[in-house]
Amino acid sequence: MKQHTTTIIVAVAALLVIAYLLYRDNQREKQIALLLSQQQMNRSEKGGKPSDPYLDNQVKNRIIKGYTELQECYKAFLLETPKVTDGSLKIDWQISTDGKVITPGIVLSPFKSETFHNCMLKKIKDWEFPPPIVRKYVVHTFKFTKK
C-alpha cells in the first residue's frame, strides 16, 4: 500500500512539473510572438524593409569605399561616347562566410556597354567584406551622373 501511495505521489509531482514546463514554454512563445509583432510594426513604420546590421553597416561601408574604384569604370565608359550617360545600375552578389564576393551580376542597367558592365563586376568581385556568420545576399543600386 505504501509503495502504491509513493508511486501516485511521484506521478502527481511529475505531472505538476510537466504542466509547469508547458506553461512556461507557452508564456515564452507569447513573449516571442509579441516581440516579433512589435518588430514587424517597427519595420512597416520604416518602409517595410527588414533590417540586417551586417548589411546596413559593414556591407554599406565597403560599398561606399569602393565607389572610387567604380568611378574608374564609369569614366572609361564615358570615353566610349555613349547615348545614355546617366542612370542607375543594379547589381547583386553573395558574400561567402569568408568575406569573398560570389557571382556578382547585373540585375538592371540603362547602360548598353558590356565593357562597362564587366569592369563593374570585376571590381566588385575583387572586394572583400568582413566575414558574415552565414552567406549574405546583396542587391545594390549604383547611381552614375555625368557632371
Protein backbone atom coordinates (compact mmCIF):
# COMPACT_ATOMS: atom_id res chain seq x y z
CA MET A 1 0.00 0.00 0.00
CA LYS A 2 2.84 2.38 0.93
CA GLN A 3 4.59 1.72 -2.37
CA HIS A 4 1.38 2.42 -4.31
CA THR A 5 0.94 5.77 -2.49
CA THR A 6 4.55 6.69 -3.19
CA THR A 7 4.09 5.89 -6.89
CA ILE A 8 0.98 8.09 -7.03
CA ILE A 9 2.80 10.97 -5.30
CA VAL A 10 5.74 10.69 -7.73
CA ALA A 11 3.35 10.57 -10.72
CA VAL A 12 1.44 13.64 -9.49
CA ALA A 13 4.73 15.51 -8.89
CA ALA A 14 5.91 14.60 -12.39
CA LEU A 15 2.62 15.82 -13.88
CA LEU A 16 2.94 19.08 -11.96
CA VAL A 17 6.49 19.59 -13.24
CA ILE A 18 5.41 18.83 -16.81
CA ALA A 19 2.44 21.19 -16.50
CA TYR A 20 4.71 23.96 -15.19
CA LEU A 21 7.21 23.46 -18.02
CA LEU A 22 4.44 23.56 -20.63
CA TYR A 23 3.02 26.72 -19.04
CA ARG A 24 6.46 28.37 -19.01
CA ASP A 25 7.07 27.45 -22.68
CA ASN A 26 3.67 28.82 -23.61
CA GLN A 27 4.46 32.12 -21.86
CA ARG A 28 7.81 32.35 -23.67
CA GLU A 29 6.12 31.72 -27.03
CA LYS A 30 3.66 34.52 -26.27
CA GLN A 31 6.57 36.88 -25.43
CA ILE A 32 8.38 35.95 -28.63
CA ALA A 33 5.22 36.44 -30.69
CA LEU A 34 4.71 39.85 -29.08
CA LEU A 35 8.31 40.90 -29.78
CA LEU A 36 8.06 39.73 -33.39
CA SER A 37 4.83 41.61 -33.97
CA GLN A 38 6.38 44.76 -32.44
CA GLN A 39 9.39 44.35 -34.72
CA GLN A 40 7.15 43.95 -37.77
CA MET A 41 5.22 47.08 -36.78
CA ASN A 42 8.50 48.99 -36.46
CA ARG A 43 9.56 47.76 -39.92
CA SER A 44 6.31 48.83 -41.51
CA GLU A 45 6.72 52.28 -39.97
CA LYS A 46 10.19 52.47 -41.53
CA GLY A 47 9.05 51.50 -45.01
CA GLY A 48 8.71 47.76 -44.50
CA LYS A 49 12.32 46.87 -45.23
CA PRO A 50 13.85 44.24 -42.96
CA SER A 51 16.98 45.42 -41.22
CA ASP A 52 20.24 43.48 -41.11
CA PRO A 53 23.03 45.18 -39.11
CA TYR A 54 25.70 43.43 -41.21
CA LEU A 55 24.23 44.73 -44.48
CA ASP A 56 23.40 48.14 -43.00
CA ASN A 57 26.90 48.69 -41.61
CA GLN A 58 29.82 46.58 -42.86
CA VAL A 59 28.50 46.00 -46.38
CA LYS A 60 27.31 49.58 -46.80
CA ASN A 61 30.69 50.91 -45.63
CA ARG A 62 32.60 48.68 -48.06
CA ILE A 63 30.37 49.76 -50.93
CA ILE A 64 30.97 53.43 -50.09
CA LYS A 65 34.73 52.83 -50.01
CA GLY A 66 34.52 51.08 -53.39
CA TYR A 67 32.73 53.89 -55.23
CA THR A 68 36.08 55.43 -56.26
CA GLU A 69 37.06 52.18 -57.99
CA LEU A 70 33.71 52.01 -59.75
CA GLN A 71 34.04 55.61 -60.93
CA GLU A 72 37.08 54.47 -62.92
CA CYS A 73 34.81 52.10 -64.85
CA TYR A 74 32.27 54.87 -65.37
CA LYS A 75 34.89 57.35 -66.61
CA ALA A 76 36.18 54.80 -69.11
CA PHE A 77 32.59 54.16 -70.20
CA LEU A 78 32.05 57.87 -70.86
CA LEU A 79 35.03 57.87 -73.24
CA GLU A 80 33.05 55.44 -75.47
CA THR A 81 30.66 58.35 -76.28
CA PRO A 82 27.55 56.51 -75.15
CA LYS A 83 23.99 57.67 -75.81
CA VAL A 84 22.96 57.13 -72.19
CA THR A 85 25.35 58.77 -69.71
CA ASP A 86 23.23 58.94 -66.52
CA GLY A 87 21.40 56.21 -64.73
CA SER A 88 21.17 53.60 -62.03
CA LEU A 89 22.92 50.26 -62.33
CA LYS A 90 21.55 47.50 -60.08
CA ILE A 91 23.96 44.68 -59.24
CA ASP A 92 23.52 41.68 -56.97
CA TRP A 93 26.02 39.29 -55.43
CA GLN A 94 26.55 37.00 -52.48
CA ILE A 95 29.12 37.24 -49.71
CA SER A 96 30.58 33.92 -48.58
CA THR A 97 31.33 33.15 -44.93
CA ASP A 98 34.97 34.04 -45.59
CA GLY A 99 34.02 37.52 -46.87
CA LYS A 100 34.59 36.84 -50.59
CA VAL A 101 32.18 38.01 -53.29
CA ILE A 102 30.36 35.22 -55.12
CA THR A 103 28.68 35.56 -58.54
CA PRO A 104 28.16 39.29 -58.99
CA GLY A 105 25.68 40.00 -61.76
CA ILE A 106 23.87 42.84 -63.47
CA VAL A 107 20.20 42.98 -62.49
CA LEU A 108 19.19 46.15 -64.33
CA SER A 109 21.14 48.66 -66.38
CA PRO A 110 20.34 51.51 -68.76
CA PHE A 111 23.97 51.41 -69.96
CA LYS A 112 24.48 49.36 -73.10
CA SER A 113 28.15 48.57 -72.66
CA GLU A 114 29.45 45.10 -71.94
CA THR A 115 32.88 46.61 -71.22
CA PHE A 116 31.39 48.86 -68.52
CA HIS A 117 29.38 46.00 -67.02
CA ASN A 118 32.39 43.67 -66.97
CA CYS A 119 34.58 46.34 -65.37
CA MET A 120 31.99 46.89 -62.62
CA LEU A 121 31.57 43.17 -61.98
CA LYS A 122 35.35 42.60 -61.87
CA LYS A 123 35.85 45.42 -59.35
CA ILE A 124 33.05 44.11 -57.11
CA LYS A 125 34.32 40.51 -57.44
CA ASP A 126 37.67 41.70 -56.02
CA TRP A 127 36.07 43.31 -52.96
CA GLU A 128 36.42 41.68 -49.57
CA PHE A 129 33.94 42.06 -46.76
CA PRO A 130 34.14 41.22 -43.08
CA PRO A 131 33.20 37.53 -42.88
CA PRO A 132 29.48 37.11 -42.06
CA ILE A 133 28.20 34.24 -39.93
CA VAL A 134 26.08 32.98 -42.84
CA ARG A 135 26.23 33.64 -46.58
CA LYS A 136 24.64 37.02 -47.37
CA TYR A 137 22.79 38.20 -50.46
CA VAL A 138 23.32 41.81 -51.50
CA VAL A 139 21.48 43.94 -54.05
CA HIS A 140 22.76 47.47 -54.54
CA THR A 141 21.88 50.25 -56.96
CA PHE A 142 24.82 52.37 -58.09
CA LYS A 143 23.91 55.81 -59.44
CA PHE A 144 26.02 57.49 -62.09
CA THR A 145 25.69 61.03 -63.41
CA LYS A 146 27.87 62.78 -65.94
CA LYS A 147 28.84 66.14 -64.46
